[in-house]
Amino acid sequence: MTDGETDFLFTVLIGFETALIAAAKTIDMQAIPFIKKGIPIIANDFVPMERANDYSPPPVIQEK
């Protein structure tokens, strides 16, 4: 859709997401006591990209 203009941005964002995997696992472990008590802390805050919504139909790009 952007003819490659956002490739750098996506590379940076994917790098940040990859770097945050360890932090997300730590947060998940810290949430276990709350989840066991029925408190859904951080539920669905981190989801695999396979479960992310697809964008069909694609968003409308407005002309400048």
N, C-alpha and C. Protein backbone atom coordinates (compact mmCIF):
# COMPACT_ATOMS: atom_id res chain seq x y z
N MET A 1 0.82 -1.21 0.00
CA MET A 1 0.00 0.00 0.00
C MET A 1 0.86 1.26 0.00
N THR A 2 2.05 1.21 0.57
CA THR A 2 2.88 2.41 0.64
C THR A 2 4.04 2.38 -0.33
N ASP A 3 4.09 1.34 -1.16
CA ASP A 3 5.15 1.20 -2.17
C ASP A 3 6.54 1.22 -1.53
N GLY A 4 6.66 0.58 -0.36
CA GLY A 4 7.96 0.45 0.30
C GLY A 4 8.36 1.62 1.18
N GLU A 5 7.55 2.65 1.25
CA GLU A 5 7.92 3.84 2.03
C GLU A 5 7.93 3.57 3.54
N THR A 6 7.24 2.56 3.99
CA THR A 6 7.16 2.28 5.43
C THR A 6 8.00 1.07 5.84
N ASP A 7 8.78 0.52 4.93
CA ASP A 7 9.58 -0.67 5.24
C ASP A 7 10.49 -0.44 6.45
N PHE A 8 11.15 0.72 6.51
CA PHE A 8 12.05 1.01 7.64
C PHE A 8 11.26 1.04 8.95
N LEU A 9 10.11 1.68 8.93
CA LEU A 9 9.28 1.79 10.13
C LEU A 9 8.86 0.41 10.62
N PHE A 10 8.43 -0.45 9.71
CA PHE A 10 8.03 -1.80 10.11
C PHE A 10 9.21 -2.57 10.67
N THR A 11 10.38 -2.40 10.10
CA THR A 11 11.57 -3.08 10.61
C THR A 11 11.86 -2.64 12.04
N VAL A 12 11.76 -1.35 12.30
CA VAL A 12 11.99 -0.83 13.66
C VAL A 12 10.94 -1.36 14.63
N LEU A 13 9.67 -1.34 14.22
CA LEU A 13 8.61 -1.81 15.10
C LEU A 13 8.76 -3.30 15.42
N ILE A 14 9.09 -4.09 14.43
CA ILE A 14 9.29 -5.52 14.66
C ILE A 14 10.48 -5.75 15.58
N GLY A 15 11.52 -4.94 15.44
CA GLY A 15 12.68 -5.02 16.33
C GLY A 15 12.29 -4.74 17.77
N PHE A 16 11.46 -3.70 17.98
CA PHE A 16 10.99 -3.39 19.34
C PHE A 16 10.15 -4.52 19.90
N GLU A 17 9.26 -5.06 19.08
CA GLU A 17 8.41 -6.16 19.55
C GLU A 17 9.26 -7.38 19.93
N THR A 18 10.26 -7.68 19.15
CA THR A 18 11.14 -8.81 19.44
C THR A 18 11.90 -8.56 20.74
N ALA A 19 12.37 -7.34 20.93
CA ALA A 19 13.12 -7.01 22.14
C ALA A 19 12.23 -7.08 23.39
N LEU A 20 10.94 -6.88 23.23
CA LEU A 20 10.03 -6.87 24.38
C LEU A 20 9.54 -8.25 24.78
N ILE A 21 9.89 -9.29 24.01
CA ILE A 21 9.40 -10.64 24.35
C ILE A 21 9.83 -11.04 25.75
N ALA A 22 11.08 -10.83 26.11
CA ALA A 22 11.56 -11.20 27.45
C ALA A 22 10.82 -10.42 28.53
N ALA A 23 10.61 -9.14 28.31
CA ALA A 23 9.89 -8.32 29.29
C ALA A 23 8.44 -8.80 29.42
N ALA A 24 7.83 -9.15 28.31
CA ALA A 24 6.44 -9.63 28.34
C ALA A 24 6.34 -10.93 29.12
N LYS A 25 7.31 -11.82 28.95
CA LYS A 25 7.30 -13.08 29.70
C LYS A 25 7.44 -12.82 31.20
N THR A 26 8.28 -11.86 31.56
CA THR A 26 8.45 -11.51 32.97
C THR A 26 7.14 -10.96 33.55
N ILE A 27 6.49 -10.10 32.81
CA ILE A 27 5.22 -9.52 33.26
C ILE A 27 4.17 -10.62 33.39
N ASP A 28 4.15 -11.54 32.43
CA ASP A 28 3.21 -12.66 32.51
C ASP A 28 3.42 -13.46 33.80
N MET A 29 4.67 -13.73 34.13
CA MET A 29 4.98 -14.50 35.34
C MET A 29 4.53 -13.74 36.59
N GLN A 30 4.71 -12.43 36.60
CA GLN A 30 4.31 -11.63 37.76
C GLN A 30 2.79 -11.57 37.90
N ALA A 31 2.08 -11.77 36.80
CA ALA A 31 0.62 -11.70 36.84
C ALA A 31 -0.04 -12.98 37.32
N ILE A 32 0.70 -14.09 37.34
CA ILE A 32 0.12 -15.39 37.70
C ILE A 32 -0.62 -15.38 39.04
N PRO A 33 -0.06 -14.80 40.12
CA PRO A 33 -0.81 -14.81 41.39
C PRO A 33 -2.17 -14.11 41.28
N PHE A 34 -2.25 -13.04 40.49
CA PHE A 34 -3.51 -12.33 40.32
C PHE A 34 -4.50 -13.16 39.50
N ILE A 35 -3.99 -13.77 38.44
CA ILE A 35 -4.85 -14.59 37.58
C ILE A 35 -5.42 -15.76 38.37
N LYS A 36 -4.61 -16.38 39.24
CA LYS A 36 -5.08 -17.50 40.06
C LYS A 36 -6.18 -17.07 41.02
N LYS A 37 -6.21 -15.77 41.39
CA LYS A 37 -7.25 -15.25 42.27
C LYS A 37 -8.46 -14.75 41.49
N GLY A 38 -8.43 -14.93 40.15
CA GLY A 38 -9.57 -14.52 39.33
C GLY A 38 -9.51 -13.09 38.85
N ILE A 39 -8.37 -12.44 39.03
CA ILE A 39 -8.21 -11.06 38.57
C ILE A 39 -7.49 -11.11 37.22
N PRO A 40 -8.18 -10.81 36.12
CA PRO A 40 -7.59 -10.96 34.79
C PRO A 40 -6.64 -9.82 34.41
N ILE A 41 -5.60 -9.64 35.24
CA ILE A 41 -4.63 -8.58 34.98
C ILE A 41 -3.84 -8.92 33.71
N ILE A 42 -3.58 -7.95 32.92
CA ILE A 42 -2.88 -8.01 31.63
C ILE A 42 -3.46 -9.05 30.66
N ALA A 43 -4.71 -9.43 30.84
CA ALA A 43 -5.33 -10.39 29.92
C ALA A 43 -5.41 -9.80 28.52
N ASN A 44 -4.88 -10.51 27.56
CA ASN A 44 -4.91 -10.13 26.15
C ASN A 44 -4.14 -8.87 25.81
N ASP A 45 -3.24 -8.43 26.69
CA ASP A 45 -2.40 -7.27 26.36
C ASP A 45 -1.35 -7.64 25.32
N PHE A 46 -0.86 -8.86 25.39
CA PHE A 46 0.13 -9.34 24.44
C PHE A 46 -0.48 -10.52 23.69
N VAL A 47 -0.64 -10.39 22.40
CA VAL A 47 -1.22 -11.48 21.62
C VAL A 47 -0.30 -11.79 20.45
N PRO A 48 -0.25 -13.06 20.03
CA PRO A 48 0.56 -13.41 18.87
C PRO A 48 0.02 -12.73 17.61
N MET A 49 0.90 -12.41 16.70
CA MET A 49 0.49 -11.75 15.47
C MET A 49 -0.48 -12.62 14.66
N GLU A 50 -0.39 -13.94 14.83
CA GLU A 50 -1.31 -14.83 14.11
C GLU A 50 -2.76 -14.58 14.53
N ARG A 51 -2.93 -14.07 15.75
CA ARG A 51 -4.29 -13.80 16.24
C ARG A 51 -4.72 -12.36 16.01
N ALA A 52 -3.85 -11.53 15.51
CA ALA A 52 -4.19 -10.13 15.26
C ALA A 52 -5.22 -10.07 14.13
N ASN A 53 -6.07 -9.08 14.19
CA ASN A 53 -7.10 -8.92 13.16
C ASN A 53 -6.47 -8.64 11.81
N ASP A 54 -7.05 -9.24 10.79
CA ASP A 54 -6.61 -8.86 9.45
C ASP A 54 -7.39 -7.60 9.07
N TYR A 55 -6.92 -6.91 8.10
CA TYR A 55 -7.53 -5.64 7.72
C TYR A 55 -8.18 -5.78 6.35
N SER A 56 -9.18 -6.67 6.28
CA SER A 56 -9.94 -6.86 5.04
C SER A 56 -11.28 -6.19 5.22
N PRO A 57 -11.71 -5.38 4.37
CA PRO A 57 -10.99 -4.78 3.25
C PRO A 57 -9.94 -3.79 3.76
N PRO A 58 -8.94 -3.50 2.94
CA PRO A 58 -7.89 -2.59 3.39
C PRO A 58 -8.43 -1.20 3.70
N PRO A 59 -7.75 -0.46 4.58
CA PRO A 59 -8.20 0.89 4.91
C PRO A 59 -8.17 1.80 3.68
N VAL A 60 -9.04 2.76 3.66
CA VAL A 60 -9.11 3.71 2.55
C VAL A 60 -8.04 4.75 2.76
N ILE A 61 -7.22 4.97 1.73
CA ILE A 61 -6.17 6.00 1.79
C ILE A 61 -6.72 7.26 1.17
N GLN A 62 -6.73 8.33 1.95
CA GLN A 62 -7.26 9.59 1.44
C GLN A 62 -6.15 10.34 0.72
N GLU A 63 -6.50 10.91 -0.39
CA GLU A 63 -5.55 11.70 -1.16
C GLU A 63 -5.30 13.02 -0.46
N LYS A 64 -4.07 13.53 -0.58
CA LYS A 64 -3.72 14.81 0.06
C LYS A 64 -4.21 15.97 -0.76
